[in-house]
Amino acid sequence: MEKVFTKFPFEGGKTSVIIAETVRGKGLPSIEKRADRWFVNFKQDEIEQLLKELHGEKQAQLTSETIVAR
């Protein structure tokens, strides 16, 4: 995304828009394509596990409950 942002001038009072098609949790198998894991208040040890997972280590073991918004 940094490459995209550096291509566009954000000056002169003009509005620039970048539309990004993204996948929630992309690169983290333990949360990718799992809507129940997109809005979770992860514990510190789970965050550390997710960071390791992002760097190719074993999949995180998540136990935090999902946040329910009504």
N, C-alpha and C. Protein backbone atom coordinates (compact mmCIF):
# COMPACT_ATOMS: atom_id res chain seq x y z
N MET A 1 0.82 -1.19 0.00
CA MET A 1 0.00 0.00 0.00
C MET A 1 0.87 1.25 0.00
N GLU A 2 2.04 1.14 0.58
CA GLU A 2 2.93 2.31 0.60
C GLU A 2 3.25 2.77 -0.82
N LYS A 3 3.46 1.84 -1.73
CA LYS A 3 3.74 2.19 -3.13
C LYS A 3 2.58 2.96 -3.73
N VAL A 4 1.36 2.54 -3.43
CA VAL A 4 0.19 3.21 -3.97
C VAL A 4 0.09 4.64 -3.43
N PHE A 5 0.28 4.80 -2.12
CA PHE A 5 0.16 6.13 -1.53
C PHE A 5 1.23 7.09 -2.04
N THR A 6 2.41 6.61 -2.37
CA THR A 6 3.47 7.50 -2.85
C THR A 6 3.25 7.92 -4.30
N LYS A 7 2.39 7.22 -5.03
CA LYS A 7 2.12 7.58 -6.43
C LYS A 7 1.17 8.77 -6.56
N PHE A 8 0.37 9.03 -5.54
CA PHE A 8 -0.64 10.07 -5.63
C PHE A 8 -0.24 11.31 -4.86
N PRO A 9 -0.33 12.47 -5.52
CA PRO A 9 -0.04 13.72 -4.79
C PRO A 9 -1.24 14.10 -3.92
N PHE A 10 -0.97 14.35 -2.65
CA PHE A 10 -2.03 14.74 -1.72
C PHE A 10 -1.86 16.21 -1.36
N GLU A 11 -1.81 17.03 -2.37
CA GLU A 11 -1.64 18.45 -2.11
C GLU A 11 -2.49 19.25 -3.10
N GLY A 12 -2.57 20.52 -2.89
CA GLY A 12 -3.32 21.38 -3.79
C GLY A 12 -4.82 21.40 -3.54
N GLY A 13 -5.25 20.88 -2.40
CA GLY A 13 -6.65 20.94 -2.06
C GLY A 13 -7.55 19.96 -2.80
N LYS A 14 -6.97 19.08 -3.60
CA LYS A 14 -7.77 18.10 -4.33
C LYS A 14 -7.95 16.85 -3.49
N THR A 15 -9.08 16.22 -3.67
CA THR A 15 -9.37 14.98 -2.96
C THR A 15 -8.90 13.81 -3.79
N SER A 16 -8.19 12.90 -3.16
CA SER A 16 -7.77 11.67 -3.82
C SER A 16 -8.44 10.50 -3.10
N VAL A 17 -8.81 9.49 -3.85
CA VAL A 17 -9.45 8.33 -3.27
C VAL A 17 -8.73 7.07 -3.74
N ILE A 18 -8.47 6.18 -2.80
CA ILE A 18 -7.89 4.89 -3.13
C ILE A 18 -8.86 3.84 -2.59
N ILE A 19 -9.34 2.97 -3.48
CA ILE A 19 -10.24 1.91 -3.07
C ILE A 19 -9.43 0.62 -3.00
N ALA A 20 -9.41 0.01 -1.83
CA ALA A 20 -8.65 -1.21 -1.63
C ALA A 20 -9.60 -2.38 -1.42
N GLU A 21 -9.46 -3.39 -2.23
CA GLU A 21 -10.24 -4.61 -2.02
C GLU A 21 -9.41 -5.51 -1.12
N THR A 22 -9.88 -5.70 0.10
CA THR A 22 -9.10 -6.44 1.09
C THR A 22 -9.86 -7.66 1.60
N VAL A 23 -9.13 -8.53 2.24
CA VAL A 23 -9.71 -9.71 2.88
C VAL A 23 -9.36 -9.62 4.35
N ARG A 24 -10.36 -9.62 5.22
CA ARG A 24 -10.11 -9.52 6.66
C ARG A 24 -9.30 -10.72 7.12
N GLY A 25 -8.24 -10.43 7.85
CA GLY A 25 -7.42 -11.50 8.40
C GLY A 25 -6.51 -12.17 7.39
N LYS A 26 -6.34 -11.60 6.21
CA LYS A 26 -5.53 -12.22 5.16
C LYS A 26 -4.14 -12.55 5.69
N GLY A 27 -3.74 -13.78 5.47
CA GLY A 27 -2.43 -14.22 5.90
C GLY A 27 -2.41 -14.87 7.27
N LEU A 28 -3.54 -14.84 7.95
CA LEU A 28 -3.65 -15.46 9.27
C LEU A 28 -4.74 -16.53 9.22
N PRO A 29 -4.38 -17.77 8.92
CA PRO A 29 -5.39 -18.82 8.77
C PRO A 29 -6.35 -18.96 9.96
N SER A 30 -5.89 -18.64 11.14
CA SER A 30 -6.75 -18.80 12.32
C SER A 30 -7.88 -17.77 12.37
N ILE A 31 -7.79 -16.68 11.61
CA ILE A 31 -8.88 -15.70 11.60
C ILE A 31 -9.39 -15.37 10.20
N GLU A 32 -8.64 -15.71 9.15
CA GLU A 32 -9.07 -15.42 7.79
C GLU A 32 -10.34 -16.21 7.47
N LYS A 33 -11.28 -15.55 6.84
CA LYS A 33 -12.56 -16.15 6.45
C LYS A 33 -13.36 -16.65 7.65
N ARG A 34 -13.12 -16.09 8.83
CA ARG A 34 -13.86 -16.47 10.04
C ARG A 34 -14.45 -15.21 10.66
N ALA A 35 -15.66 -14.91 10.28
CA ALA A 35 -16.32 -13.69 10.78
C ALA A 35 -16.39 -13.66 12.30
N ASP A 36 -16.43 -14.82 12.94
CA ASP A 36 -16.48 -14.85 14.39
C ASP A 36 -15.16 -14.43 15.04
N ARG A 37 -14.11 -14.28 14.25
CA ARG A 37 -12.81 -13.87 14.79
C ARG A 37 -12.38 -12.48 14.35
N TRP A 38 -13.22 -11.77 13.61
CA TRP A 38 -12.83 -10.45 13.14
C TRP A 38 -12.96 -9.37 14.21
N PHE A 39 -13.86 -9.53 15.13
CA PHE A 39 -14.07 -8.53 16.18
C PHE A 39 -13.91 -9.19 17.54
N VAL A 40 -12.67 -9.32 17.95
CA VAL A 40 -12.35 -10.00 19.20
C VAL A 40 -11.36 -9.15 19.98
N ASN A 41 -11.53 -9.12 21.28
CA ASN A 41 -10.57 -8.45 22.14
C ASN A 41 -9.52 -9.50 22.53
N PHE A 42 -8.51 -9.66 21.68
CA PHE A 42 -7.50 -10.69 21.90
C PHE A 42 -6.66 -10.40 23.12
N LYS A 43 -6.27 -11.46 23.81
CA LYS A 43 -5.35 -11.34 24.95
C LYS A 43 -3.94 -11.13 24.41
N GLN A 44 -3.06 -10.61 25.26
CA GLN A 44 -1.69 -10.31 24.82
C GLN A 44 -0.98 -11.54 24.27
N ASP A 45 -1.15 -12.70 24.92
CA ASP A 45 -0.48 -13.90 24.42
C ASP A 45 -1.04 -14.33 23.06
N GLU A 46 -2.33 -14.07 22.81
CA GLU A 46 -2.91 -14.39 21.51
C GLU A 46 -2.37 -13.46 20.42
N ILE A 47 -2.17 -12.21 20.78
CA ILE A 47 -1.59 -11.25 19.83
C ILE A 47 -0.18 -11.71 19.44
N GLU A 48 0.58 -12.14 20.43
CA GLU A 48 1.93 -12.63 20.14
C GLU A 48 1.89 -13.87 19.25
N GLN A 49 0.93 -14.76 19.50
CA GLN A 49 0.77 -15.95 18.66
C GLN A 49 0.39 -15.56 17.23
N LEU A 50 -0.51 -14.58 17.09
CA LEU A 50 -0.93 -14.14 15.76
C LEU A 50 0.23 -13.51 14.99
N LEU A 51 1.07 -12.76 15.68
CA LEU A 51 2.23 -12.18 15.03
C LEU A 51 3.19 -13.26 14.55
N LYS A 52 3.37 -14.30 15.35
CA LYS A 52 4.22 -15.42 14.94
C LYS A 52 3.60 -16.14 13.75
N GLU A 53 2.27 -16.32 13.78
CA GLU A 53 1.57 -16.97 12.67
C GLU A 53 1.76 -16.16 11.38
N LEU A 54 1.69 -14.86 11.50
CA LEU A 54 1.87 -13.98 10.35
C LEU A 54 3.24 -14.16 9.72
N HIS A 55 4.22 -14.52 10.54
CA HIS A 55 5.59 -14.72 10.06
C HIS A 55 5.90 -16.18 9.75
N GLY A 56 4.86 -17.00 9.60
CA GLY A 56 5.05 -18.35 9.13
C GLY A 56 5.20 -19.43 10.18
N GLU A 57 5.06 -19.08 11.43
CA GLU A 57 5.15 -20.09 12.47
C GLU A 57 3.80 -20.78 12.63
N LYS A 58 3.66 -21.63 13.62
CA LYS A 58 2.43 -22.43 13.77
C LYS A 58 1.20 -21.56 13.99
N GLN A 59 0.05 -22.14 13.67
CA GLN A 59 -1.23 -21.44 13.79
C GLN A 59 -1.54 -21.12 15.24
N ALA A 60 -2.08 -19.94 15.46
CA ALA A 60 -2.42 -19.47 16.81
C ALA A 60 -3.57 -20.28 17.39
N GLN A 61 -3.52 -20.50 18.69
CA GLN A 61 -4.60 -21.16 19.43
C GLN A 61 -5.38 -20.07 20.15
N LEU A 62 -6.54 -19.71 19.62
CA LEU A 62 -7.32 -18.59 20.14
C LEU A 62 -8.46 -19.07 21.01
N THR A 63 -8.60 -18.42 22.18
CA THR A 63 -9.67 -18.79 23.10
C THR A 63 -10.54 -17.61 23.50
N SER A 64 -10.15 -16.40 23.13
CA SER A 64 -10.93 -15.21 23.48
C SER A 64 -12.31 -15.27 22.87
N GLU A 65 -13.28 -14.74 23.61
CA GLU A 65 -14.65 -14.71 23.12
C GLU A 65 -14.82 -13.57 22.13
N THR A 66 -15.72 -13.77 21.18
CA THR A 66 -15.98 -12.74 20.20
C THR A 66 -16.80 -11.61 20.81
N ILE A 67 -16.68 -10.42 20.24
CA ILE A 67 -17.43 -9.26 20.69
C ILE A 67 -18.75 -9.23 19.94
N VAL A 68 -19.84 -9.13 20.67
CA VAL A 68 -21.16 -9.10 20.06
C VAL A 68 -21.69 -7.67 20.13
N ALA A 69 -21.92 -7.09 18.97
CA ALA A 69 -22.47 -5.73 18.92
C ALA A 69 -23.94 -5.82 18.55
N ARG A 70 -24.76 -5.10 19.30
CA ARG A 70 -26.21 -5.11 19.02
C ARG A 70 -26.72 -3.74 18.85
